[in-house]
Amino acid sequence: MGSTAVLPFCGNRGFKLILSAGHENPGEWSWTIIKKNREEVSFQYLTVNGEIPTFEGEVEDQSYGSFVKMYEYDVEV
């Protein structure tokens, strides 16, 4: 199931942001937003002109690594 397993817990729209940069290319970040597509019972991710968006810089004072942000995350207890 992978990382999409958390999306049912991310509110009605199921949004998740992923940022990632490898140690071999520090500061070169790729990012996308993943969401549930309720009509097709599938997941979609953001691209710009068919490519994953990128930027150069640091995130939280880090030049490489992965960051995942889940929006409206809720686990019923």
Protein backbone atom coordinates (compact mmCIF):
# COMPACT_ATOMS: atom_id res chain seq x y z
CA MET A 1 0.00 0.00 0.00
CA GLY A 2 2.90 2.37 0.61
CA SER A 3 2.62 6.01 1.59
CA THR A 4 -0.91 6.37 0.20
CA ALA A 5 -2.18 4.40 3.23
CA VAL A 6 -2.28 7.64 5.26
CA LEU A 7 -4.50 9.53 2.78
CA PRO A 8 -7.83 8.20 4.14
CA PHE A 9 -6.90 9.93 7.42
CA CYS A 10 -6.12 13.29 5.75
CA GLY A 11 -9.53 14.95 5.87
CA ASN A 12 -12.21 14.88 3.18
CA ARG A 13 -9.82 15.79 0.36
CA GLY A 14 -6.85 13.65 1.42
CA PHE A 15 -3.92 15.99 0.68
CA LYS A 16 -0.26 15.21 1.38
CA LEU A 17 2.88 17.21 0.48
CA ILE A 18 6.18 15.43 -0.20
CA LEU A 19 9.57 17.20 -0.52
CA SER A 20 12.71 15.21 -1.29
CA ALA A 21 16.37 15.85 -2.15
CA GLY A 22 19.13 13.24 -2.36
CA HIS A 23 22.53 13.57 -0.70
CA GLU A 24 24.19 13.24 -4.13
CA ASN A 25 22.50 16.50 -5.24
CA PRO A 26 22.01 18.51 -2.03
CA GLY A 27 19.76 21.52 -2.34
CA GLU A 28 17.96 20.21 -5.46
CA TRP A 29 14.47 19.51 -4.16
CA SER A 30 11.58 17.79 -5.92
CA TRP A 31 8.10 18.20 -4.52
CA THR A 32 4.52 17.24 -5.21
CA ILE A 33 1.08 17.18 -3.65
CA ILE A 34 -0.80 13.89 -3.61
CA LYS A 35 -4.57 13.73 -3.24
CA LYS A 36 -7.41 11.26 -3.33
CA ASN A 37 -9.52 11.26 -6.49
CA ARG A 38 -12.89 10.12 -5.18
CA GLU A 39 -14.49 9.85 -8.64
CA GLU A 40 -11.92 7.36 -9.94
CA VAL A 41 -11.05 5.80 -6.55
CA SER A 42 -7.39 6.53 -7.21
CA PHE A 43 -4.64 8.95 -6.22
CA GLN A 44 -3.27 11.88 -8.22
CA TYR A 45 -0.08 13.88 -7.91
CA LEU A 46 0.77 17.38 -9.06
CA THR A 47 2.98 17.92 -12.11
CA VAL A 48 3.88 21.05 -14.06
CA ASN A 49 4.02 20.43 -17.81
CA GLY A 50 4.25 16.70 -17.08
CA GLU A 51 7.23 17.07 -14.70
CA ILE A 52 7.55 16.92 -10.92
CA PRO A 53 8.19 20.52 -9.71
CA THR A 54 11.66 21.34 -8.36
CA PHE A 55 13.46 24.16 -6.56
CA GLU A 56 16.91 24.83 -5.13
CA GLY A 57 17.62 25.75 -1.53
CA GLU A 58 17.26 24.44 2.00
CA VAL A 59 14.23 23.18 3.89
CA GLU A 60 14.32 23.54 7.67
CA ASP A 61 18.10 24.15 7.42
CA GLN A 62 18.54 20.82 5.57
CA SER A 63 19.99 20.49 2.07
CA TYR A 64 18.82 16.89 1.56
CA GLY A 65 16.34 14.41 2.99
CA SER A 66 12.59 13.89 2.79
CA PHE A 67 9.75 15.80 4.39
CA VAL A 68 6.13 14.70 4.40
CA LYS A 69 3.24 16.94 5.49
CA MET A 70 -0.21 15.42 5.88
CA TYR A 71 -3.08 17.93 5.96
CA GLU A 72 -6.05 17.56 8.31
CA TYR A 73 -4.56 14.31 9.66
CA ASP A 74 -6.93 12.65 12.12
CA VAL A 75 -6.88 9.23 13.72
CA GLU A 76 -10.02 8.28 15.60
CA VAL A 77 -9.09 6.91 19.00
